[in-house]
Protein backbone atom coordinates (compact mmCIF):
# COMPACT_ATOMS: atom_id res chain seq x y z
CA UNK A 1 -28.02 -2.80 -19.29
CA UNK A 2 -26.07 -1.21 -22.16
CA UNK A 3 -23.70 0.45 -19.70
CA UNK A 4 -23.02 -2.87 -17.96
CA UNK A 5 -22.42 -4.60 -21.29
CA UNK A 6 -20.00 -1.87 -22.38
CA UNK A 7 -18.17 -2.15 -19.05
CA UNK A 8 -17.44 -5.79 -19.89
CA UNK A 9 -16.84 -5.36 -23.62
CA UNK A 10 -14.44 -2.43 -23.37
CA UNK A 11 -11.63 -4.29 -21.54
CA UNK A 12 -12.26 -7.31 -23.77
CA UNK A 13 -11.79 -5.23 -26.94
CA UNK A 14 -8.72 -3.63 -25.41
CA UNK A 15 -7.19 -7.04 -24.74
CA UNK A 16 -7.96 -8.18 -28.29
CA UNK A 17 -6.12 -5.14 -29.60
CA UNK A 18 -3.19 -5.93 -27.32
CA UNK A 19 -3.17 -9.53 -28.58
CA UNK A 20 -2.92 -8.34 -32.19
CA UNK A 21 -0.09 -5.95 -31.29
CA UNK A 22 1.72 -8.72 -29.41
CA UNK A 23 1.44 -11.03 -32.42
CA UNK A 24 2.91 -8.38 -34.72
CA UNK A 25 5.76 -7.39 -32.39
CA UNK A 26 6.68 -10.96 -31.45
CA UNK A 27 6.77 -12.03 -35.07
CA UNK A 28 8.88 -9.10 -36.27
CA UNK A 29 11.29 -8.98 -33.32
CA UNK A 30 11.74 -12.76 -33.20
CA UNK A 31 12.35 -12.90 -36.93
CA UNK A 32 14.90 -10.08 -36.80
CA UNK A 33 16.78 -11.54 -33.82
CA UNK A 34 16.99 -15.02 -35.33
CA UNK A 35 18.41 -13.68 -38.59
CA UNK A 36 20.84 -11.45 -36.68
CA UNK A 37 22.54 -14.49 -35.14
CA UNK A 38 26.01 -15.22 -36.53
CA UNK A 39 26.62 -18.17 -38.84
CA UNK A 40 24.80 -19.72 -41.76
CA UNK A 41 21.24 -20.73 -40.94
CA UNK A 42 21.17 -23.34 -43.72
CA UNK A 43 24.27 -25.10 -42.34
CA UNK A 44 22.76 -25.19 -38.86
CA UNK A 45 19.45 -26.57 -40.06
CA UNK A 46 21.16 -29.18 -42.21
CA UNK A 47 23.23 -30.26 -39.19
CA UNK A 48 20.06 -30.65 -37.10
CA UNK A 49 18.29 -32.65 -39.81
CA UNK A 50 21.07 -34.87 -41.17
CA UNK A 51 23.73 -34.75 -38.43
CA UNK A 52 26.92 -32.66 -38.26
CA UNK A 53 29.04 -35.29 -40.09
CA UNK A 54 26.77 -35.26 -43.15
CA UNK A 55 26.79 -31.49 -43.77
CA UNK A 56 28.76 -29.78 -46.51
CA UNK A 57 28.26 -26.77 -48.78
CA UNK A 58 26.13 -28.78 -51.21
CA UNK A 59 23.79 -29.99 -48.44
CA UNK A 60 23.49 -26.45 -47.08
CA UNK A 61 22.67 -25.08 -50.55
CA UNK A 62 20.02 -27.75 -51.04
CA UNK A 63 18.52 -26.91 -47.64
CA UNK A 64 18.52 -23.20 -48.48
CA UNK A 65 16.69 -23.81 -51.77
CA UNK A 66 14.22 -26.30 -50.23
CA UNK A 67 13.17 -23.99 -47.41
CA UNK A 68 13.24 -20.77 -49.41
CA UNK A 69 15.92 -19.21 -47.22
CA UNK A 70 17.44 -17.50 -50.26
CA UNK A 71 14.38 -15.27 -50.66
CA UNK A 72 14.41 -11.66 -49.34
CA UNK A 73 13.85 -11.45 -45.57
CA UNK A 74 10.89 -9.08 -46.00
CA UNK A 75 9.13 -11.67 -48.19
CA UNK A 76 9.70 -14.41 -45.62
CA UNK A 77 8.36 -12.22 -42.79
CA UNK A 78 5.26 -11.14 -44.73
CA UNK A 79 4.60 -14.76 -45.63
CA UNK A 80 4.69 -15.73 -41.95
CA UNK A 81 2.37 -12.87 -40.96
CA UNK A 82 -0.06 -13.92 -43.68
CA UNK A 83 -0.11 -17.47 -42.34
CA UNK A 84 -0.74 -16.20 -38.80
CA UNK A 85 -3.82 -14.34 -40.05
CA UNK A 86 -5.03 -17.73 -41.34
CA UNK A 87 -4.21 -19.29 -37.92
CA UNK A 88 -1.33 -21.22 -39.47
CA UNK A 89 2.06 -21.05 -37.72
CA UNK A 90 3.89 -22.81 -40.54
CA UNK A 91 6.13 -25.87 -40.39
CA UNK A 92 9.27 -26.57 -38.43
CA UNK A 93 12.38 -26.15 -40.55
CA UNK A 94 14.01 -29.13 -38.80
CA UNK A 95 11.27 -31.77 -38.63
CA UNK A 96 8.92 -30.48 -41.32
CA UNK A 97 5.95 -30.98 -38.98
CA UNK A 98 3.34 -28.24 -38.44
CA UNK A 99 4.46 -25.93 -35.65
CA UNK A 100 1.02 -25.95 -34.02
CA UNK A 101 1.13 -29.74 -33.77
CA UNK A 102 4.55 -29.68 -32.11
CA UNK A 103 3.43 -26.97 -29.69
CA UNK A 104 0.13 -28.62 -28.81
CA UNK A 105 1.69 -31.25 -26.54
CA UNK A 106 4.30 -28.85 -25.15
CA UNK A 107 1.65 -26.28 -24.24
CA UNK A 108 -0.08 -28.93 -22.13
CA UNK A 109 3.09 -29.61 -20.15
CA UNK A 110 3.75 -25.89 -19.66
CA UNK A 111 0.16 -25.27 -18.58
CA UNK A 112 0.49 -28.12 -16.07
CA UNK A 113 3.70 -26.63 -14.67
CA UNK A 114 2.35 -23.06 -14.49
CA UNK A 115 -1.01 -24.25 -13.15
CA UNK A 116 0.79 -26.02 -10.33
CA UNK A 117 3.33 -23.27 -9.59
CA UNK A 118 0.83 -20.39 -9.31
CA UNK A 119 -1.45 -21.97 -6.65
CA UNK A 120 1.62 -23.27 -4.83
CA UNK A 121 3.11 -19.77 -4.74
CA UNK A 122 -0.18 -18.47 -3.33
CA UNK A 123 -0.19 -21.15 -0.64
CA UNK A 124 3.34 -20.13 0.33
CA UNK A 125 3.39 -16.38 -0.18
CA UNK A 126 -0.06 -15.20 0.87
CA UNK A 127 -0.11 -16.70 4.41
CA UNK A 128 3.40 -15.35 5.02
CA UNK A 129 2.32 -11.91 3.77
CA UNK A 130 -0.81 -11.92 5.92
CA UNK A 131 1.20 -12.84 9.04
CA UNK A 132 3.81 -10.17 8.26
CA UNK A 133 1.10 -7.54 7.71
CA UNK A 134 -0.74 -8.33 10.94
CA UNK A 135 2.55 -8.38 12.89
CA UNK A 136 4.04 -5.35 11.15
CA UNK A 137 7.31 -4.17 12.67
CA UNK A 138 7.74 -7.26 14.85
CA UNK A 139 9.86 -10.38 14.44
CA UNK A 140 7.50 -12.30 12.07
CA UNK A 141 7.54 -9.32 9.73
CA UNK A 142 11.35 -9.14 9.78
CA UNK A 143 11.66 -12.91 9.25
CA UNK A 144 9.32 -12.88 6.23
CA UNK A 145 11.13 -9.84 4.81
CA UNK A 146 14.51 -11.58 5.06
CA UNK A 147 13.17 -14.75 3.45
CA UNK A 148 11.47 -12.90 0.59
CA UNK A 149 14.56 -10.79 -0.13
CA UNK A 150 16.71 -13.93 -0.19
CA UNK A 151 14.38 -15.79 -2.54
CA UNK A 152 14.03 -12.78 -4.82
CA UNK A 153 17.79 -12.25 -5.00
CA UNK A 154 18.61 -15.84 -5.95
CA UNK A 155 18.28 -16.51 -9.72
CA UNK A 156 15.84 -19.22 -10.77
CA UNK A 157 18.57 -21.51 -12.09
CA UNK A 158 20.56 -21.23 -8.83
CA UNK A 159 17.46 -21.91 -6.73
CA UNK A 160 16.58 -24.88 -8.93
CA UNK A 161 20.10 -26.30 -8.66
CA UNK A 162 20.05 -25.87 -4.88
CA UNK A 163 16.72 -27.71 -4.60
CA UNK A 164 17.99 -30.40 -6.96
CA UNK A 165 21.14 -30.96 -4.88
CA UNK A 166 19.24 -30.97 -1.60
CA UNK A 167 16.09 -32.94 -2.45
CA UNK A 168 17.41 -35.19 -5.23
CA UNK A 169 21.11 -35.76 -4.63
CA UNK A 170 21.39 -35.49 -0.86
CA UNK A 171 18.02 -36.67 0.44
CA UNK A 172 16.96 -38.68 -2.65
CA UNK A 173 13.33 -37.71 -2.13
CA UNK A 174 12.58 -36.57 -5.69
CA UNK A 175 13.86 -37.27 -9.21
CA UNK A 176 16.14 -34.52 -10.58
CA UNK A 177 14.38 -34.03 -13.93
CA UNK A 178 12.40 -35.42 -16.86
CA UNK A 179 8.76 -36.36 -16.76
CA UNK A 180 7.55 -39.84 -16.03
CA UNK A 181 4.99 -39.07 -13.34
CA UNK A 182 3.86 -36.52 -10.76
CA UNK A 183 7.08 -36.76 -8.76
CA UNK A 184 9.00 -35.01 -11.55
CA UNK A 185 6.59 -32.06 -11.32
CA UNK A 186 7.50 -31.13 -7.74
CA UNK A 187 10.98 -29.64 -8.19
CA UNK A 188 10.28 -27.36 -11.21
CA UNK A 189 6.96 -26.14 -9.81
CA UNK A 190 8.51 -25.50 -6.38
CA UNK A 191 11.36 -23.55 -8.00
CA UNK A 192 8.89 -21.31 -9.83
CA UNK A 193 6.58 -21.01 -6.83
CA UNK A 194 9.28 -19.83 -4.41
CA UNK A 195 10.35 -17.03 -6.73
CA UNK A 196 6.76 -15.88 -7.21
CA UNK A 197 5.97 -16.20 -3.49
CA UNK A 198 8.82 -13.81 -2.67
CA UNK A 199 6.93 -11.03 -4.50
CA UNK A 200 3.36 -11.95 -3.54
CA UNK A 201 4.26 -12.15 0.16
CA UNK A 202 5.50 -8.54 0.18
CA UNK A 203 2.48 -7.27 -1.74
CA UNK A 204 0.15 -9.17 0.60
CA UNK A 205 2.03 -7.76 3.59
CA UNK A 206 1.64 -4.15 2.47
CA UNK A 207 -1.99 -4.69 1.53
CA UNK A 208 -2.92 -6.37 4.81
CA UNK A 209 -1.05 -3.74 6.84
CA UNK A 210 -2.92 -0.95 5.03
CA UNK A 211 -6.28 -2.64 5.50
CA UNK A 212 -5.54 -3.40 9.17
CA UNK A 213 -5.07 0.33 9.80
CA UNK A 214 -8.07 1.37 7.71
CA UNK A 215 -11.34 2.76 9.18
CA UNK A 216 -13.16 -0.40 8.02
CA UNK A 217 -11.31 -2.65 10.46
CA UNK A 218 -11.30 0.03 13.16
CA UNK A 219 -15.10 0.13 12.98
CA UNK A 220 -15.28 -3.70 12.92
CA UNK A 221 -13.24 -3.87 16.11
CA UNK A 222 -15.40 -1.13 17.63
CA UNK A 223 -18.49 -3.28 16.93
CA UNK A 224 -16.96 -5.99 19.10
CA UNK A 225 -15.62 -8.36 16.45
CA UNK A 226 -12.49 -10.27 17.32
CA UNK A 227 -9.33 -9.55 15.34
CA UNK A 228 -9.71 -12.85 13.49
CA UNK A 229 -13.35 -12.23 12.51
CA UNK A 230 -12.66 -8.62 11.54
CA UNK A 231 -9.85 -9.64 9.20
CA UNK A 232 -11.79 -12.58 7.77
CA UNK A 233 -15.03 -10.67 7.13
CA UNK A 234 -13.77 -7.24 6.11
CA UNK A 235 -10.02 -7.37 5.55
CA UNK A 236 -9.20 -10.24 3.21
CA UNK A 237 -11.42 -9.13 0.33
CA UNK A 238 -10.02 -5.58 0.33
CA UNK A 239 -6.48 -6.86 0.70
CA UNK A 240 -6.92 -9.31 -2.19
CA UNK A 241 -7.34 -6.58 -4.84
CA UNK A 242 -3.70 -5.35 -4.92
CA UNK A 243 -2.48 -8.97 -4.71
CA UNK A 244 -4.52 -9.93 -7.77
CA UNK A 245 -3.38 -6.80 -9.60
CA UNK A 246 0.30 -7.62 -9.07
CA UNK A 247 -0.37 -11.16 -10.22
CA UNK A 248 -0.55 -9.81 -13.76
CA UNK A 249 2.99 -8.45 -13.39
CA UNK A 250 4.15 -11.77 -11.97
CA UNK A 251 3.02 -13.54 -15.13
CA UNK A 252 5.94 -11.92 -16.98
CA UNK A 253 8.31 -13.34 -14.39
CA UNK A 254 6.55 -16.69 -14.72
CA UNK A 255 7.24 -16.79 -18.47
CA UNK A 256 10.88 -15.92 -17.87
CA UNK A 257 11.14 -18.54 -15.14
CA UNK A 258 9.53 -21.21 -17.32
CA UNK A 259 12.25 -20.80 -19.94
CA UNK A 260 14.96 -21.38 -17.33
CA UNK A 261 13.24 -24.01 -15.21
CA UNK A 262 12.03 -26.19 -18.09
CA UNK A 263 15.52 -26.23 -19.57
CA UNK A 264 17.15 -26.94 -16.19
CA UNK A 265 14.88 -29.85 -15.28
CA UNK A 266 14.37 -31.19 -18.81
CA UNK A 267 10.63 -30.47 -18.61
CA UNK A 268 9.08 -31.05 -22.08
CA UNK A 269 7.23 -27.75 -22.27
CA UNK A 270 7.09 -24.81 -24.63
CA UNK A 271 10.00 -23.00 -22.94
CA UNK A 272 12.24 -26.04 -23.41
CA UNK A 273 11.17 -26.25 -27.06
CA UNK A 274 11.89 -22.55 -27.57
CA UNK A 275 15.45 -22.86 -26.29
CA UNK A 276 16.17 -25.86 -28.56
CA UNK A 277 14.57 -24.08 -31.53
CA UNK A 278 16.87 -21.08 -31.01
CA UNK A 279 19.95 -23.31 -31.06
CA UNK A 280 18.64 -25.08 -34.19
CA UNK A 281 17.80 -21.74 -35.91
CA UNK A 282 14.26 -23.05 -36.45
CA UNK A 283 12.66 -19.65 -37.08
CA UNK A 284 8.98 -20.74 -37.46
CA UNK A 285 9.14 -22.75 -34.24
CA UNK A 286 10.79 -19.84 -32.40
CA UNK A 287 8.18 -17.39 -33.67
CA UNK A 288 5.32 -19.79 -32.89
CA UNK A 289 6.57 -20.52 -29.37
CA UNK A 290 7.15 -16.85 -28.56
CA UNK A 291 3.75 -15.94 -30.02
CA UNK A 292 1.91 -18.50 -27.92
CA UNK A 293 3.72 -17.38 -24.75
CA UNK A 294 3.02 -13.70 -25.46
CA UNK A 295 -0.67 -14.32 -26.14
CA UNK A 296 -0.80 -16.44 -22.99
CA UNK A 297 0.40 -13.48 -20.92
CA UNK A 298 -2.26 -11.24 -22.50
CA UNK A 299 -4.98 -13.81 -21.83
CA UNK A 300 -3.96 -14.34 -18.22
CA UNK A 301 -3.74 -10.58 -17.62
CA UNK A 302 -7.29 -10.27 -18.95
CA UNK A 303 -8.39 -12.99 -16.51
CA UNK A 304 -6.73 -11.07 -13.65
CA UNK A 305 -8.54 -7.85 -14.67
CA UNK A 306 -11.91 -9.60 -14.67
CA UNK A 307 -11.17 -11.21 -11.30
CA UNK A 308 -10.39 -7.77 -9.83
CA UNK A 309 -13.63 -6.47 -11.32
CA UNK A 310 -15.60 -9.28 -9.69
CA UNK A 311 -14.02 -8.63 -6.29
CA UNK A 312 -14.49 -4.85 -6.50
CA UNK A 313 -17.30 -3.87 -8.93
CA UNK A 314 -16.65 -0.21 -8.11
CA UNK A 315 -13.62 -0.31 -10.43
CA UNK A 316 -15.86 -0.92 -13.42
CA UNK A 317 -18.23 1.87 -12.45
CA UNK A 318 -15.33 4.31 -11.96
CA UNK A 319 -13.81 3.42 -15.35
CA UNK A 320 -17.18 3.74 -17.05
């Protein structure tokens, strides 16, 4: 019993340590990069709050004194880290609202987009990978390879623009951006899903091909099972483990894609907010957005690890 409990607690404690390290690194690196940008932060913030026509040296000086931007950078960073330990992300320098309140709604939109894109990528990539693996070296394999290479080579913004031109401008099937209903969700989620499917299809292909040649399936065929039953009963579960493992790596690409796709389609998520906060030099909002996204990657990677452990309990016993 104690060994089983430790097998569950050890990866959990490891992920908690990673979350703390992510919070520290994101805060420090984000703070340093924002203050390394050229120009006067106080002028930029005053322009965002009052409008460019109302900004002069006096307004910038007042903004600098109000927000404490004239204090040493080390003091400002330590103050932010202290607030994070109290689960307080501070206030936006532009709106004055708590950062966590501004991010709360945006996180919901981003979760909706990511939660739609990931299953959609699985519906696209995994069947193609399974077909390519079972038909290894033949024309379906070559066709899937060409498609996956093409999708992987095209940047997310170019793929999104191509889908926008085709499905919105030419065919007029879908709205090009914004969010007023479920129709606006299709284009950004499809853009993310196609990029992710390009990777998952190749991983699924290699995994299925390896399992198809393994002694497990050879013995299943020897018992008299059809190819379909042998793959369904003995192949899919073994092939799913590498696919789930690479899903953790895809989450990094998902975060990168969200920044581009949300900005391209005007999706009101956390990536869109992060881009606007960078332009506005809103340091607390930038740090809060980056922190939430980094912790989200750690959390989802932990979920992937536990899913792999459920599919193959032998991993836990080997690590123990």
